Amino acid sequence: MNHLMNWIDGFASVIESYLFTGRRYVRPRKGKGFKDDRMRLRGDVRRISIDIKASTAAYGNKGSSGEGYKSQR
């Protein structure tokens, strides 16, 4: 019975998307959309990498296998 209900629910969602013109997501602007996304993503990666680097600096850098961890000081 669950299989039938899932099938009916999926079919209803497809029909709903054709009957109603409104979209549930934001459409990208025309023009520089991909360029803006790439620049924002690059900035996000830069911020995250700086944060990861700062948070791991407290633990030091791992030396060779016999040395353990070295402090940053």
PDB file of N, CA and C in Angstrom:
ATOM      1  N   MET A   1       0.818  -1.189   0.000  1.00  0.00           N
ATOM      2  CA  MET A   1       0.000   0.000   0.000  1.00  0.00           C
ATOM      3  C   MET A   1       0.865   1.258   0.000  1.00  0.00           C
ATOM      4  N   ASN A   2       2.013   1.210   0.740  1.00  0.00           N
ATOM      5  CA  ASN A   2       2.910   2.357   0.769  1.00  0.00           C
ATOM      6  C   ASN A   2       3.451   2.661  -0.622  1.00  0.00           C
ATOM      7  N   HIS A   3       3.728   1.613  -1.385  1.00  0.00           N
ATOM      8  CA  HIS A   3       4.254   1.807  -2.735  1.00  0.00           C
ATOM      9  C   HIS A   3       3.247   2.572  -3.590  1.00  0.00           C
ATOM     10  N   LEU A   4       1.991   2.223  -3.497  1.00  0.00           N
ATOM     11  CA  LEU A   4       0.948   2.907  -4.253  1.00  0.00           C
ATOM     12  C   LEU A   4       0.811   4.359  -3.816  1.00  0.00           C
ATOM     13  N   MET A   5       0.852   4.601  -2.509  1.00  0.00           N
ATOM     14  CA  MET A   5       0.728   5.973  -1.998  1.00  0.00           C
ATOM     15  C   MET A   5       1.923   6.819  -2.442  1.00  0.00           C
ATOM     16  N   ASN A   6       3.133   6.252  -2.429  1.00  0.00           N
ATOM     17  CA  ASN A   6       4.310   6.987  -2.892  1.00  0.00           C
ATOM     18  C   ASN A   6       4.195   7.308  -4.373  1.00  0.00           C
ATOM     19  N   TRP A   7       3.692   6.373  -5.141  1.00  0.00           N
ATOM     20  CA  TRP A   7       3.534   6.573  -6.581  1.00  0.00           C
ATOM     21  C   TRP A   7       2.522   7.686  -6.847  1.00  0.00           C
ATOM     22  N   ILE A   8       1.412   7.663  -6.140  1.00  0.00           N
ATOM     23  CA  ILE A   8       0.378   8.688  -6.302  1.00  0.00           C
ATOM     24  C   ILE A   8       0.910  10.054  -5.870  1.00  0.00           C
ATOM     25  N   ASP A   9       1.658  10.094  -4.775  1.00  0.00           N
ATOM     26  CA  ASP A   9       2.227  11.352  -4.300  1.00  0.00           C
ATOM     27  C   ASP A   9       3.214  11.921  -5.319  1.00  0.00           C
ATOM     28  N   GLY A  10       4.058  11.079  -5.896  1.00  0.00           N
ATOM     29  CA  GLY A  10       4.994  11.531  -6.920  1.00  0.00           C
ATOM     30  C   GLY A  10       4.283  12.041  -8.154  1.00  0.00           C
ATOM     31  N   PHE A  11       3.261  11.335  -8.579  1.00  0.00           N
ATOM     32  CA  PHE A  11       2.480  11.754  -9.742  1.00  0.00           C
ATOM     33  C   PHE A  11       1.799  13.093  -9.473  1.00  0.00           C
ATOM     34  N   ALA A  12       1.283  13.272  -8.274  1.00  0.00           N
ATOM     35  CA  ALA A  12       0.616  14.527  -7.917  1.00  0.00           C
ATOM     36  C   ALA A  12       1.609  15.691  -7.912  1.00  0.00           C
ATOM     37  N   SER A  13       2.831  15.451  -7.465  1.00  0.00           N
ATOM     38  CA  SER A  13       3.819  16.536  -7.463  1.00  0.00           C
ATOM     39  C   SER A  13       4.204  16.937  -8.880  1.00  0.00           C
ATOM     40  N   VAL A  14       4.255  15.964  -9.801  1.00  0.00           N
ATOM     41  CA  VAL A  14       4.549  16.291 -11.202  1.00  0.00           C
ATOM     42  C   VAL A  14       3.412  17.110 -11.795  1.00  0.00           C
ATOM     43  N   ILE A  15       2.188  16.696 -11.561  1.00  0.00           N
ATOM     44  CA  ILE A  15       1.029  17.431 -12.065  1.00  0.00           C
ATOM     45  C   ILE A  15       0.979  18.833 -11.468  1.00  0.00           C
ATOM     46  N   GLU A  16       1.282  18.943 -10.180  1.00  0.00           N
ATOM     47  CA  GLU A  16       1.266  20.241  -9.513  1.00  0.00           C
ATOM     48  C   GLU A  16       2.270  21.197 -10.142  1.00  0.00           C
ATOM     49  N   SER A  17       3.452  20.686 -10.522  1.00  0.00           N
ATOM     50  CA  SER A  17       4.457  21.564 -11.120  1.00  0.00           C
ATOM     51  C   SER A  17       4.025  22.074 -12.482  1.00  0.00           C
ATOM     52  N   TYR A  18       3.185  21.321 -13.196  1.00  0.00           N
ATOM     53  CA  TYR A  18       2.687  21.784 -14.492  1.00  0.00           C
ATOM     54  C   TYR A  18       1.479  22.702 -14.364  1.00  0.00           C
ATOM     55  N   LEU A  19       0.670  22.523 -13.332  1.00  0.00           N
ATOM     56  CA  LEU A  19      -0.532  23.329 -13.178  1.00  0.00           C
ATOM     57  C   LEU A  19      -0.246  24.718 -12.626  1.00  0.00           C
ATOM     58  N   PHE A  20       0.707  24.825 -11.724  1.00  0.00           N
ATOM     59  CA  PHE A  20       1.012  26.097 -11.080  1.00  0.00           C
ATOM     60  C   PHE A  20       2.318  26.639 -11.630  1.00  0.00           C
ATOM     61  N   THR A  21       2.308  27.922 -12.013  1.00  0.00           N
ATOM     62  CA  THR A  21       3.487  28.508 -12.646  1.00  0.00           C
ATOM     63  C   THR A  21       4.557  28.920 -11.652  1.00  0.00           C
ATOM     64  N   GLY A  22       4.200  29.120 -10.403  1.00  0.00           N
ATOM     65  CA  GLY A  22       5.174  29.550  -9.408  1.00  0.00           C
ATOM     66  C   GLY A  22       6.227  28.482  -9.156  1.00  0.00           C
ATOM     67  N   ARG A  23       7.454  28.914  -8.987  1.00  0.00           N
ATOM     68  CA  ARG A  23       8.546  27.980  -8.710  1.00  0.00           C
ATOM     69  C   ARG A  23       8.911  28.037  -7.237  1.00  0.00           C
ATOM     70  N   ARG A  24       9.400  26.938  -6.723  1.00  0.00           N
ATOM     71  CA  ARG A  24       9.791  26.884  -5.320  1.00  0.00           C
ATOM     72  C   ARG A  24      11.232  27.295  -5.109  1.00  0.00           C
ATOM     73  N   TYR A  25      11.949  27.587  -6.168  1.00  0.00           N
ATOM     74  CA  TYR A  25      13.342  27.974  -6.045  1.00  0.00           C
ATOM     75  C   TYR A  25      13.547  29.320  -6.716  1.00  0.00           C
ATOM     76  N   VAL A  26      14.647  29.957  -6.396  1.00  0.00           N
ATOM     77  CA  VAL A  26      14.962  31.260  -6.970  1.00  0.00           C
ATOM     78  C   VAL A  26      15.661  31.036  -8.300  1.00  0.00           C
ATOM     79  N   ARG A  27      15.135  31.641  -9.319  1.00  0.00           N
ATOM     80  CA  ARG A  27      15.769  31.507 -10.636  1.00  0.00           C
ATOM     81  C   ARG A  27      16.997  32.398 -10.701  1.00  0.00           C
ATOM     82  N   PRO A  28      18.066  31.919 -11.303  1.00  0.00           N
ATOM     83  CA  PRO A  28      19.267  32.757 -11.402  1.00  0.00           C
ATOM     84  C   PRO A  28      19.032  33.935 -12.349  1.00  0.00           C
ATOM     85  N   ARG A  29      19.698  35.027 -12.071  1.00  0.00           N
ATOM     86  CA  ARG A  29      19.587  36.192 -12.940  1.00  0.00           C
ATOM     87  C   ARG A  29      20.316  35.928 -14.242  1.00  0.00           C
ATOM     88  N   LYS A  30      19.864  36.553 -15.273  1.00  0.00           N
ATOM     89  CA  LYS A  30      20.558  36.425 -16.546  1.00  0.00           C
ATOM     90  C   LYS A  30      21.770  37.342 -16.528  1.00  0.00           C
ATOM     91  N   GLY A  31      22.794  36.950 -17.219  1.00  0.00           N
ATOM     92  CA  GLY A  31      23.987  37.780 -17.284  1.00  0.00           C
ATOM     93  C   GLY A  31      25.167  37.069 -16.661  1.00  0.00           C
ATOM     94  N   LYS A  32      25.670  37.625 -15.569  1.00  0.00           N
ATOM     95  CA  LYS A  32      26.888  37.118 -14.953  1.00  0.00           C
ATOM     96  C   LYS A  32      26.614  36.103 -13.848  1.00  0.00           C
ATOM     97  N   GLY A  33      25.599  35.301 -13.958  1.00  0.00           N
ATOM     98  CA  GLY A  33      25.217  34.395 -12.883  1.00  0.00           C
ATOM     99  C   GLY A  33      26.310  33.428 -12.485  1.00  0.00           C
ATOM    100  N   PHE A  34      26.907  32.747 -13.459  1.00  0.00           N
ATOM    101  CA  PHE A  34      27.941  31.777 -13.134  1.00  0.00           C
ATOM    102  C   PHE A  34      29.210  32.450 -12.636  1.00  0.00           C
ATOM    103  N   LYS A  35      29.518  33.614 -13.183  1.00  0.00           N
ATOM    104  CA  LYS A  35      30.708  34.339 -12.738  1.00  0.00           C
ATOM    105  C   LYS A  35      30.549  34.776 -11.286  1.00  0.00           C
ATOM    106  N   ASP A  36      29.371  35.292 -10.943  1.00  0.00           N
ATOM    107  CA  ASP A  36      29.119  35.694  -9.555  1.00  0.00           C
ATOM    108  C   ASP A  36      29.161  34.498  -8.618  1.00  0.00           C
ATOM    109  N   ASP A  37      28.562  33.381  -9.031  1.00  0.00           N
ATOM    110  CA  ASP A  37      28.589  32.178  -8.199  1.00  0.00           C
ATOM    111  C   ASP A  37      30.012  31.698  -7.975  1.00  0.00           C
ATOM    112  N   ARG A  38      30.810  31.725  -9.026  1.00  0.00           N
ATOM    113  CA  ARG A  38      32.197  31.272  -8.905  1.00  0.00           C
ATOM    114  C   ARG A  38      32.980  32.174  -7.958  1.00  0.00           C
ATOM    115  N   MET A  39      32.764  33.486  -8.049  1.00  0.00           N
ATOM    116  CA  MET A  39      33.469  34.405  -7.151  1.00  0.00           C
ATOM    117  C   MET A  39      33.025  34.206  -5.708  1.00  0.00           C
ATOM    118  N   ARG A  40      31.718  34.018  -5.489  1.00  0.00           N
ATOM    119  CA  ARG A  40      31.229  33.784  -4.121  1.00  0.00           C
ATOM    120  C   ARG A  40      31.746  32.467  -3.557  1.00  0.00           C
ATOM    121  N   LEU A  41      31.763  31.443  -4.399  1.00  0.00           N
ATOM    122  CA  LEU A  41      32.266  30.148  -3.949  1.00  0.00           C
ATOM    123  C   LEU A  41      33.745  30.224  -3.613  1.00  0.00           C
ATOM    124  N   ARG A  42      34.508  30.943  -4.420  1.00  0.00           N
ATOM    125  CA  ARG A  42      35.935  31.116  -4.147  1.00  0.00           C
ATOM    126  C   ARG A  42      36.137  31.828  -2.818  1.00  0.00           C
ATOM    127  N   GLY A  43      35.324  32.850  -2.553  1.00  0.00           N
ATOM    128  CA  GLY A  43      35.413  33.554  -1.274  1.00  0.00           C
ATOM    129  C   GLY A  43      35.047  32.653  -0.105  1.00  0.00           C
ATOM    130  N   ASP A  44      34.032  31.823  -0.275  1.00  0.00           N
ATOM    131  CA  ASP A  44      33.644  30.883   0.779  1.00  0.00           C
ATOM    132  C   ASP A  44      34.766  29.903   1.071  1.00  0.00           C
ATOM    133  N   VAL A  45      35.381  29.373   0.024  1.00  0.00           N
ATOM    134  CA  VAL A  45      36.483  28.422   0.206  1.00  0.00           C
ATOM    135  C   VAL A  45      37.654  29.095   0.915  1.00  0.00           C
ATOM    136  N   ARG A  46      37.931  30.336   0.552  1.00  0.00           N
ATOM    137  CA  ARG A  46      39.027  31.063   1.190  1.00  0.00           C
ATOM    138  C   ARG A  46      38.748  31.263   2.677  1.00  0.00           C
ATOM    139  N   ARG A  47      37.508  31.681   3.002  1.00  0.00           N
ATOM    140  CA  ARG A  47      37.161  31.886   4.418  1.00  0.00           C
ATOM    141  C   ARG A  47      37.228  30.586   5.208  1.00  0.00           C
ATOM    142  N   ILE A  48      36.720  29.509   4.630  1.00  0.00           N
ATOM    143  CA  ILE A  48      36.730  28.220   5.322  1.00  0.00           C
ATOM    144  C   ILE A  48      38.156  27.735   5.520  1.00  0.00           C
ATOM    145  N   SER A  49      39.000  27.884   4.499  1.00  0.00           N
ATOM    146  CA  SER A  49      40.380  27.410   4.638  1.00  0.00           C
ATOM    147  C   SER A  49      41.137  28.218   5.686  1.00  0.00           C
ATOM    148  N   ILE A  50      40.883  29.522   5.758  1.00  0.00           N
ATOM    149  CA  ILE A  50      41.525  30.341   6.789  1.00  0.00           C
ATOM    150  C   ILE A  50      41.057  29.904   8.172  1.00  0.00           C
ATOM    151  N   ASP A  51      39.764  29.608   8.307  1.00  0.00           N
ATOM    152  CA  ASP A  51      39.227  29.174   9.592  1.00  0.00           C
ATOM    153  C   ASP A  51      39.791  27.815  10.002  1.00  0.00           C
ATOM    154  N   ILE A  52      39.882  26.893   9.059  1.00  0.00           N
ATOM    155  CA  ILE A  52      40.448  25.575   9.365  1.00  0.00           C
ATOM    156  C   ILE A  52      41.912  25.710   9.758  1.00  0.00           C
ATOM    157  N   LYS A  53      42.642  26.539   9.021  1.00  0.00           N
ATOM    158  CA  LYS A  53      44.064  26.738   9.328  1.00  0.00           C
ATOM    159  C   LYS A  53      44.242  27.335  10.716  1.00  0.00           C
ATOM    160  N   ALA A  54      43.391  28.308  11.070  1.00  0.00           N
ATOM    161  CA  ALA A  54      43.488  28.936  12.389  1.00  0.00           C
ATOM    162  C   ALA A  54      43.115  27.961  13.504  1.00  0.00           C
ATOM    163  N   SER A  55      42.100  27.136  13.275  1.00  0.00           N
ATOM    164  CA  SER A  55      41.685  26.217  14.327  1.00  0.00           C
ATOM    165  C   SER A  55      42.662  25.066  14.506  1.00  0.00           C
ATOM    166  N   THR A  56      43.350  24.659  13.448  1.00  0.00           N
ATOM    167  CA  THR A  56      44.328  23.581  13.595  1.00  0.00           C
ATOM    168  C   THR A  56      45.681  24.097  14.066  1.00  0.00           C
ATOM    169  N   ALA A  57      45.918  25.405  13.983  1.00  0.00           N
ATOM    170  CA  ALA A  57      47.199  25.959  14.420  1.00  0.00           C
ATOM    171  C   ALA A  57      47.409  25.753  15.917  1.00  0.00           C
ATOM    172  N   ALA A  58      46.338  25.685  16.673  1.00  0.00           N
ATOM    173  CA  ALA A  58      46.457  25.490  18.117  1.00  0.00           C
ATOM    174  C   ALA A  58      47.039  24.112  18.447  1.00  0.00           C
ATOM    175  N   TYR A  59      46.884  23.144  17.561  1.00  0.00           N
ATOM    176  CA  TYR A  59      47.372  21.794  17.819  1.00  0.00           C
ATOM    177  C   TYR A  59      48.758  21.553  17.264  1.00  0.00           C
ATOM    178  N   GLY A  60      49.280  22.473  16.474  1.00  0.00           N
ATOM    179  CA  GLY A  60      50.616  22.329  15.924  1.00  0.00           C
ATOM    180  C   GLY A  60      50.625  21.506  14.653  1.00  0.00           C
ATOM    181  N   ASN A  61      51.794  21.418  14.061  1.00  0.00           N
ATOM    182  CA  ASN A  61      51.978  20.638  12.842  1.00  0.00           C
ATOM    183  C   ASN A  61      52.547  19.277  13.185  1.00  0.00           C
ATOM    184  N   LYS A  62      52.079  18.273  12.489  1.00  0.00           N
ATOM    185  CA  LYS A  62      52.583  16.933  12.730  1.00  0.00           C
ATOM    186  C   LYS A  62      53.944  16.802  12.076  1.00  0.00           C
ATOM    187  N   GLY A  63      54.920  16.374  12.853  1.00  0.00           N
ATOM    188  CA  GLY A  63      56.257  16.141  12.328  1.00  0.00           C
ATOM    189  C   GLY A  63      56.345  14.746  11.739  1.00  0.00           C
ATOM    190  N   SER A  64      57.553  14.236  11.618  1.00  0.00           N
ATOM    191  CA  SER A  64      57.691  12.868  11.126  1.00  0.00           C
ATOM    192  C   SER A  64      57.165  11.905  12.172  1.00  0.00           C
ATOM    193  N   SER A  65      57.038  10.648  11.847  1.00  0.00           N
ATOM    194  CA  SER A  65      56.322   9.702  12.685  1.00  0.00           C
ATOM    195  C   SER A  65      56.909   9.570  14.087  1.00  0.00           C
ATOM    196  N   GLY A  66      58.195   9.768  14.274  1.00  0.00           N
ATOM    197  CA  GLY A  66      58.794   9.621  15.589  1.00  0.00           C
ATOM    198  C   GLY A  66      58.746  10.879  16.412  1.00  0.00           C
ATOM    199  N   GLU A  67      58.443  12.012  15.826  1.00  0.00           N
ATOM    200  CA  GLU A  67      58.539  13.287  16.532  1.00  0.00           C
ATOM    201  C   GLU A  67      57.238  13.726  17.194  1.00  0.00           C
ATOM    202  N   GLY A  68      56.110  13.234  16.757  1.00  0.00           N
ATOM    203  CA  GLY A  68      54.846  13.701  17.295  1.00  0.00           C
ATOM    204  C   GLY A  68      54.481  15.037  16.695  1.00  0.00           C
ATOM    205  N   TYR A  69      53.863  15.896  17.497  1.00  0.00           N
ATOM    206  CA  TYR A  69      53.413  17.187  16.998  1.00  0.00           C
ATOM    207  C   TYR A  69      54.370  18.274  17.430  1.00  0.00           C
ATOM    208  N   LYS A  70      54.632  19.217  16.540  1.00  0.00           N
ATOM    209  CA  LYS A  70      55.477  20.365  16.848  1.00  0.00           C
ATOM    210  C   LYS A  70      54.583  21.560  17.107  1.00  0.00           C
ATOM    211  N   SER A  71      54.946  22.383  18.045  1.00  0.00           N
ATOM    212  CA  SER A  71      54.129  23.581  18.307  1.00  0.00           C
ATOM    213  C   SER A  71      54.458  24.651  17.277  1.00  0.00           C
ATOM    214  N   GLN A  72      53.537  25.603  17.111  1.00  0.00           N
ATOM    215  CA  GLN A  72      53.696  26.667  16.137  1.00  0.00           C
ATOM    216  C   GLN A  72      54.551  27.795  16.687  1.00  0.00           C
ATOM    217  N   ARG A  73      54.875  27.826  17.950  1.00  0.00           N
ATOM    218  CA  ARG A  73      55.577  28.944  18.573  1.00  0.00           C
ATOM    219  C   ARG A  73      57.015  29.010  18.215  1.00  0.00           C
TER     220      ARG A  73
END
